[in-house]
Amino acid sequence: MSDTSIKSYKDLIVWQKGYELVKQVYIISAKLPKSEVFALQSQMRRSAISIVSNIAEGSSRKTRKDYCQFIHIAYGSASELETQLFLCKDLYNILIDSELALITEVSKMLRAIINKLEQ
């Protein structure tokens, strides 16, 4: 990371928005029926946590290539989470509008980081 104003992964807007997404996913996944605790609920939480965890770990890597690999993983986890949110909506009529908006924003940021790192 070349920006000297960024001292930690916590300074990255994409991480901050991803962290907010994790909190929203915990709230929304708590609305799922008990039969989903070890399935959809658990998977959603892992996907959401994977986004911010890979941003954090990637930002601490020494090489641009390593950083990019972790951002790719975060991007994949965002796509996975989006699919799981659609399942919440379609199977259990859970409103996901704000979560979808946030995941779209996070995904766009991750894609922009990937594009920049791959230049």
N, C-alpha and C. Protein backbone atom coordinates (compact mmCIF):
# COMPACT_ATOMS: atom_id res chain seq x y z
N MET A 1 0.85 -1.18 0.00
CA MET A 1 0.00 0.00 0.00
C MET A 1 0.89 1.23 0.00
N SER A 2 0.69 2.07 -0.98
CA SER A 2 1.60 3.20 -1.13
C SER A 2 1.09 4.49 -0.49
N ASP A 3 -0.17 4.57 -0.15
CA ASP A 3 -0.73 5.78 0.44
C ASP A 3 -0.25 5.90 1.88
N THR A 4 0.51 6.95 2.16
CA THR A 4 1.09 7.11 3.51
C THR A 4 0.04 7.47 4.55
N SER A 5 -1.16 7.91 4.14
CA SER A 5 -2.19 8.24 5.12
C SER A 5 -2.86 6.97 5.66
N ILE A 6 -2.63 5.84 5.00
CA ILE A 6 -3.20 4.58 5.45
C ILE A 6 -2.17 3.87 6.31
N LYS A 7 -2.47 3.80 7.59
CA LYS A 7 -1.54 3.19 8.53
C LYS A 7 -1.93 1.75 8.87
N SER A 8 -3.19 1.42 8.61
CA SER A 8 -3.72 0.13 8.99
C SER A 8 -4.84 -0.25 8.02
N TYR A 9 -5.11 -1.52 7.93
CA TYR A 9 -6.24 -1.97 7.12
C TYR A 9 -7.54 -1.34 7.60
N LYS A 10 -7.61 -0.96 8.87
CA LYS A 10 -8.82 -0.34 9.42
C LYS A 10 -9.06 1.05 8.83
N ASP A 11 -8.05 1.64 8.21
CA ASP A 11 -8.20 2.94 7.55
C ASP A 11 -8.80 2.81 6.15
N LEU A 12 -8.84 1.60 5.62
CA LEU A 12 -9.38 1.38 4.28
C LEU A 12 -10.90 1.45 4.30
N ILE A 13 -11.46 2.28 3.44
CA ILE A 13 -12.92 2.43 3.38
C ILE A 13 -13.59 1.10 3.04
N VAL A 14 -12.97 0.33 2.16
CA VAL A 14 -13.55 -0.96 1.79
C VAL A 14 -13.61 -1.89 3.00
N TRP A 15 -12.61 -1.85 3.86
CA TRP A 15 -12.65 -2.67 5.07
C TRP A 15 -13.75 -2.17 6.01
N GLN A 16 -13.86 -0.85 6.18
CA GLN A 16 -14.88 -0.26 7.07
C GLN A 16 -16.28 -0.64 6.61
N LYS A 17 -16.52 -0.54 5.31
CA LYS A 17 -17.84 -0.90 4.78
C LYS A 17 -18.07 -2.41 4.88
N GLY A 18 -17.01 -3.19 4.66
CA GLY A 18 -17.11 -4.63 4.82
C GLY A 18 -17.41 -5.02 6.26
N TYR A 19 -16.82 -4.31 7.19
CA TYR A 19 -17.06 -4.57 8.61
C TYR A 19 -18.51 -4.27 8.97
N GLU A 20 -19.04 -3.19 8.42
CA GLU A 20 -20.46 -2.86 8.62
C GLU A 20 -21.33 -3.97 8.03
N LEU A 21 -20.93 -4.49 6.89
CA LEU A 21 -21.67 -5.58 6.25
C LEU A 21 -21.69 -6.82 7.15
N VAL A 22 -20.57 -7.13 7.78
CA VAL A 22 -20.53 -8.28 8.70
C VAL A 22 -21.58 -8.09 9.80
N LYS A 23 -21.63 -6.92 10.39
CA LYS A 23 -22.60 -6.67 11.46
C LYS A 23 -24.03 -6.83 10.96
N GLN A 24 -24.30 -6.34 9.75
CA GLN A 24 -25.64 -6.48 9.18
C GLN A 24 -25.97 -7.94 8.89
N VAL A 25 -24.98 -8.69 8.43
CA VAL A 25 -25.20 -10.11 8.14
C VAL A 25 -25.51 -10.88 9.42
N TYR A 26 -24.85 -10.54 10.51
CA TYR A 26 -25.16 -11.19 11.78
C TYR A 26 -26.61 -10.92 12.20
N ILE A 27 -27.06 -9.70 11.99
CA ILE A 27 -28.44 -9.36 12.34
C ILE A 27 -29.43 -10.09 11.45
N ILE A 28 -29.18 -10.05 10.15
CA ILE A 28 -30.11 -10.67 9.20
C ILE A 28 -30.11 -12.19 9.34
N SER A 29 -28.95 -12.78 9.57
CA SER A 29 -28.88 -14.24 9.67
C SER A 29 -29.52 -14.75 10.95
N ALA A 30 -29.62 -13.90 11.96
CA ALA A 30 -30.30 -14.28 13.20
C ALA A 30 -31.80 -14.45 12.98
N LYS A 31 -32.32 -13.91 11.88
CA LYS A 31 -33.75 -14.03 11.56
C LYS A 31 -34.08 -15.37 10.90
N LEU A 32 -33.06 -16.12 10.52
CA LEU A 32 -33.29 -17.41 9.88
C LEU A 32 -33.84 -18.42 10.88
N PRO A 33 -34.58 -19.41 10.39
CA PRO A 33 -35.10 -20.43 11.31
C PRO A 33 -33.96 -21.26 11.93
N LYS A 34 -34.25 -21.87 13.06
CA LYS A 34 -33.24 -22.66 13.77
C LYS A 34 -32.66 -23.77 12.90
N SER A 35 -33.43 -24.26 11.95
CA SER A 35 -32.94 -25.32 11.07
C SER A 35 -31.79 -24.86 10.19
N GLU A 36 -31.59 -23.55 10.08
CA GLU A 36 -30.52 -23.00 9.25
C GLU A 36 -29.27 -22.60 10.03
N VAL A 37 -29.27 -22.81 11.34
CA VAL A 37 -28.14 -22.37 12.17
C VAL A 37 -26.82 -22.98 11.70
N PHE A 38 -26.82 -24.25 11.36
CA PHE A 38 -25.58 -24.91 10.96
C PHE A 38 -25.40 -24.96 9.45
N ALA A 39 -26.31 -24.32 8.72
CA ALA A 39 -26.22 -24.32 7.27
C ALA A 39 -26.08 -22.88 6.76
N LEU A 40 -27.17 -22.31 6.32
CA LEU A 40 -27.13 -20.99 5.69
C LEU A 40 -26.61 -19.91 6.64
N GLN A 41 -27.08 -19.90 7.87
CA GLN A 41 -26.62 -18.88 8.82
C GLN A 41 -25.11 -18.94 9.02
N SER A 42 -24.61 -20.10 9.26
CA SER A 42 -23.17 -20.28 9.49
C SER A 42 -22.37 -19.89 8.25
N GLN A 43 -22.83 -20.31 7.08
CA GLN A 43 -22.12 -20.02 5.84
C GLN A 43 -22.12 -18.52 5.54
N MET A 44 -23.24 -17.86 5.77
CA MET A 44 -23.32 -16.41 5.55
C MET A 44 -22.34 -15.67 6.43
N ARG A 45 -22.27 -16.05 7.66
CA ARG A 45 -21.37 -15.37 8.60
C ARG A 45 -19.91 -15.61 8.21
N ARG A 46 -19.60 -16.82 7.80
CA ARG A 46 -18.22 -17.11 7.37
C ARG A 46 -17.87 -16.32 6.11
N SER A 47 -18.80 -16.23 5.18
CA SER A 47 -18.55 -15.47 3.94
C SER A 47 -18.29 -14.00 4.25
N ALA A 48 -19.13 -13.42 5.10
CA ALA A 48 -19.00 -12.01 5.45
C ALA A 48 -17.67 -11.75 6.17
N ILE A 49 -17.35 -12.62 7.11
CA ILE A 49 -16.09 -12.47 7.84
C ILE A 49 -14.90 -12.65 6.91
N SER A 50 -15.02 -13.53 5.94
CA SER A 50 -13.95 -13.77 4.99
C SER A 50 -13.61 -12.50 4.19
N ILE A 51 -14.61 -11.71 3.89
CA ILE A 51 -14.37 -10.48 3.13
C ILE A 51 -13.40 -9.58 3.89
N VAL A 52 -13.77 -9.21 5.11
CA VAL A 52 -12.93 -8.28 5.87
C VAL A 52 -11.61 -8.91 6.33
N SER A 53 -11.64 -10.20 6.61
CA SER A 53 -10.41 -10.87 7.03
C SER A 53 -9.38 -10.91 5.91
N ASN A 54 -9.82 -11.16 4.69
CA ASN A 54 -8.89 -11.20 3.57
C ASN A 54 -8.40 -9.82 3.17
N ILE A 55 -9.23 -8.81 3.34
CA ILE A 55 -8.76 -7.44 3.12
C ILE A 55 -7.66 -7.12 4.13
N ALA A 56 -7.91 -7.46 5.39
CA ALA A 56 -6.93 -7.19 6.45
C ALA A 56 -5.63 -7.96 6.21
N GLU A 57 -5.76 -9.25 5.94
CA GLU A 57 -4.54 -10.04 5.75
C GLU A 57 -3.79 -9.61 4.50
N GLY A 58 -4.51 -9.37 3.42
CA GLY A 58 -3.86 -8.95 2.18
C GLY A 58 -3.12 -7.64 2.32
N SER A 59 -3.70 -6.71 3.06
CA SER A 59 -3.07 -5.40 3.21
C SER A 59 -1.76 -5.47 3.99
N SER A 60 -1.58 -6.54 4.74
CA SER A 60 -0.35 -6.68 5.51
C SER A 60 0.73 -7.47 4.77
N ARG A 61 0.41 -7.95 3.59
CA ARG A 61 1.38 -8.71 2.80
C ARG A 61 2.42 -7.79 2.18
N LYS A 62 3.57 -8.35 1.92
CA LYS A 62 4.69 -7.54 1.42
C LYS A 62 4.60 -7.23 -0.07
N THR A 63 4.04 -8.15 -0.84
CA THR A 63 4.06 -7.94 -2.29
C THR A 63 2.68 -7.59 -2.83
N ARG A 64 2.69 -6.88 -3.93
CA ARG A 64 1.48 -6.49 -4.63
C ARG A 64 0.70 -7.74 -5.08
N LYS A 65 1.44 -8.74 -5.55
CA LYS A 65 0.82 -9.99 -6.02
C LYS A 65 0.08 -10.70 -4.88
N ASP A 66 0.71 -10.77 -3.71
CA ASP A 66 0.06 -11.39 -2.55
C ASP A 66 -1.19 -10.61 -2.15
N TYR A 67 -1.06 -9.30 -2.09
CA TYR A 67 -2.20 -8.44 -1.74
C TYR A 67 -3.36 -8.69 -2.70
N CYS A 68 -3.05 -8.72 -3.98
CA CYS A 68 -4.07 -8.92 -5.01
C CYS A 68 -4.77 -10.27 -4.83
N GLN A 69 -4.01 -11.30 -4.49
CA GLN A 69 -4.60 -12.63 -4.29
C GLN A 69 -5.63 -12.60 -3.16
N PHE A 70 -5.31 -11.93 -2.06
CA PHE A 70 -6.24 -11.86 -0.94
C PHE A 70 -7.47 -11.02 -1.30
N ILE A 71 -7.28 -9.98 -2.09
CA ILE A 71 -8.43 -9.17 -2.52
C ILE A 71 -9.33 -9.98 -3.46
N HIS A 72 -8.72 -10.82 -4.29
CA HIS A 72 -9.51 -11.74 -5.13
C HIS A 72 -10.37 -12.67 -4.27
N ILE A 73 -9.79 -13.19 -3.20
CA ILE A 73 -10.53 -14.08 -2.30
C ILE A 73 -11.68 -13.31 -1.65
N ALA A 74 -11.42 -12.09 -1.21
CA ALA A 74 -12.47 -11.26 -0.61
C ALA A 74 -13.60 -11.02 -1.62
N TYR A 75 -13.22 -10.76 -2.87
CA TYR A 75 -14.21 -10.52 -3.92
C TYR A 75 -15.07 -11.77 -4.14
N GLY A 76 -14.43 -12.93 -4.13
CA GLY A 76 -15.18 -14.18 -4.27
C GLY A 76 -16.13 -14.41 -3.10
N SER A 77 -15.68 -14.08 -1.91
CA SER A 77 -16.54 -14.22 -0.73
C SER A 77 -17.73 -13.27 -0.80
N ALA A 78 -17.52 -12.09 -1.38
CA ALA A 78 -18.63 -11.14 -1.55
C ALA A 78 -19.68 -11.71 -2.50
N SER A 79 -19.24 -12.35 -3.56
CA SER A 79 -20.18 -12.97 -4.51
C SER A 79 -20.93 -14.12 -3.84
N GLU A 80 -20.21 -14.89 -3.04
CA GLU A 80 -20.83 -15.98 -2.30
C GLU A 80 -21.90 -15.45 -1.35
N LEU A 81 -21.56 -14.40 -0.62
CA LEU A 81 -22.50 -13.81 0.33
C LEU A 81 -23.73 -13.25 -0.39
N GLU A 82 -23.53 -12.62 -1.53
CA GLU A 82 -24.66 -12.09 -2.28
C GLU A 82 -25.65 -13.20 -2.63
N THR A 83 -25.13 -14.34 -3.07
CA THR A 83 -25.99 -15.49 -3.38
C THR A 83 -26.76 -15.94 -2.15
N GLN A 84 -26.09 -15.99 -1.02
CA GLN A 84 -26.74 -16.41 0.22
C GLN A 84 -27.82 -15.43 0.65
N LEU A 85 -27.59 -14.14 0.41
CA LEU A 85 -28.62 -13.15 0.73
C LEU A 85 -29.86 -13.34 -0.14
N PHE A 86 -29.64 -13.66 -1.42
CA PHE A 86 -30.79 -13.94 -2.30
C PHE A 86 -31.59 -15.13 -1.78
N LEU A 87 -30.90 -16.13 -1.25
CA LEU A 87 -31.60 -17.28 -0.67
C LEU A 87 -32.45 -16.85 0.53
N CYS A 88 -31.92 -15.97 1.37
CA CYS A 88 -32.69 -15.46 2.51
C CYS A 88 -33.98 -14.80 2.04
N LYS A 89 -33.83 -14.02 0.98
CA LYS A 89 -34.99 -13.31 0.44
C LYS A 89 -36.00 -14.30 -0.16
N ASP A 90 -35.51 -15.20 -0.99
CA ASP A 90 -36.40 -16.09 -1.73
C ASP A 90 -37.00 -17.21 -0.88
N LEU A 91 -36.24 -17.73 0.06
CA LEU A 91 -36.73 -18.84 0.88
C LEU A 91 -37.48 -18.38 2.12
N TYR A 92 -37.08 -17.24 2.69
CA TYR A 92 -37.62 -16.84 3.99
C TYR A 92 -38.21 -15.43 4.00
N ASN A 93 -38.33 -14.81 2.84
CA ASN A 93 -38.91 -13.46 2.73
C ASN A 93 -38.26 -12.44 3.64
N ILE A 94 -36.96 -12.53 3.79
CA ILE A 94 -36.21 -11.57 4.61
C ILE A 94 -35.77 -10.42 3.71
N LEU A 95 -36.02 -9.21 4.16
CA LEU A 95 -35.62 -8.03 3.39
C LEU A 95 -34.10 -7.90 3.41
N ILE A 96 -33.52 -7.70 2.23
CA ILE A 96 -32.06 -7.64 2.12
C ILE A 96 -31.58 -6.42 1.35
N ASP A 97 -32.46 -5.45 1.13
CA ASP A 97 -32.12 -4.31 0.28
C ASP A 97 -30.87 -3.56 0.73
N SER A 98 -30.78 -3.23 2.00
CA SER A 98 -29.62 -2.45 2.47
C SER A 98 -28.35 -3.29 2.41
N GLU A 99 -28.47 -4.59 2.70
CA GLU A 99 -27.31 -5.47 2.64
C GLU A 99 -26.83 -5.63 1.20
N LEU A 100 -27.77 -5.76 0.27
CA LEU A 100 -27.40 -5.87 -1.14
C LEU A 100 -26.72 -4.60 -1.64
N ALA A 101 -27.23 -3.46 -1.22
CA ALA A 101 -26.61 -2.19 -1.62
C ALA A 101 -25.18 -2.11 -1.09
N LEU A 102 -24.98 -2.52 0.14
CA LEU A 102 -23.65 -2.47 0.75
C LEU A 102 -22.70 -3.48 0.09
N ILE A 103 -23.20 -4.67 -0.18
CA ILE A 103 -22.33 -5.67 -0.81
C ILE A 103 -21.97 -5.26 -2.23
N THR A 104 -22.89 -4.59 -2.92
CA THR A 104 -22.58 -4.07 -4.26
C THR A 104 -21.48 -3.03 -4.17
N GLU A 105 -21.58 -2.15 -3.20
CA GLU A 105 -20.56 -1.11 -3.01
C GLU A 105 -19.20 -1.72 -2.67
N VAL A 106 -19.19 -2.67 -1.76
CA VAL A 106 -17.94 -3.34 -1.37
C VAL A 106 -17.34 -4.08 -2.57
N SER A 107 -18.18 -4.77 -3.31
CA SER A 107 -17.70 -5.52 -4.49
C SER A 107 -17.08 -4.59 -5.53
N LYS A 108 -17.71 -3.46 -5.76
CA LYS A 108 -17.15 -2.49 -6.72
C LYS A 108 -15.79 -1.98 -6.25
N MET A 109 -15.67 -1.72 -4.96
CA MET A 109 -14.39 -1.26 -4.41
C MET A 109 -13.33 -2.33 -4.55
N LEU A 110 -13.69 -3.57 -4.24
CA LEU A 110 -12.73 -4.67 -4.36
C LEU A 110 -12.29 -4.84 -5.82
N ARG A 111 -13.22 -4.76 -6.75
CA ARG A 111 -12.90 -4.88 -8.17
C ARG A 111 -11.96 -3.75 -8.59
N ALA A 112 -12.20 -2.54 -8.10
CA ALA A 112 -11.32 -1.41 -8.42
C ALA A 112 -9.92 -1.64 -7.88
N ILE A 113 -9.81 -2.18 -6.67
CA ILE A 113 -8.50 -2.48 -6.09
C ILE A 113 -7.80 -3.54 -6.93
N ILE A 114 -8.53 -4.57 -7.31
CA ILE A 114 -7.94 -5.63 -8.14
C ILE A 114 -7.43 -5.05 -9.45
N ASN A 115 -8.25 -4.24 -10.09
CA ASN A 115 -7.85 -3.64 -11.37
C ASN A 115 -6.58 -2.80 -11.21
N LYS A 116 -6.51 -2.02 -10.13
CA LYS A 116 -5.34 -1.19 -9.87
C LYS A 116 -4.10 -2.04 -9.62
N LEU A 117 -4.27 -3.08 -8.80
CA LEU A 117 -3.13 -3.93 -8.46
C LEU A 117 -2.63 -4.74 -9.66
N GLU A 118 -3.51 -5.05 -10.58
CA GLU A 118 -3.13 -5.87 -11.73
C GLU A 118 -2.56 -5.03 -12.89
N GLN A 119 -2.52 -3.72 -12.73
CA GLN A 119 -1.95 -2.87 -13.79
C GLN A 119 -0.45 -3.03 -13.86
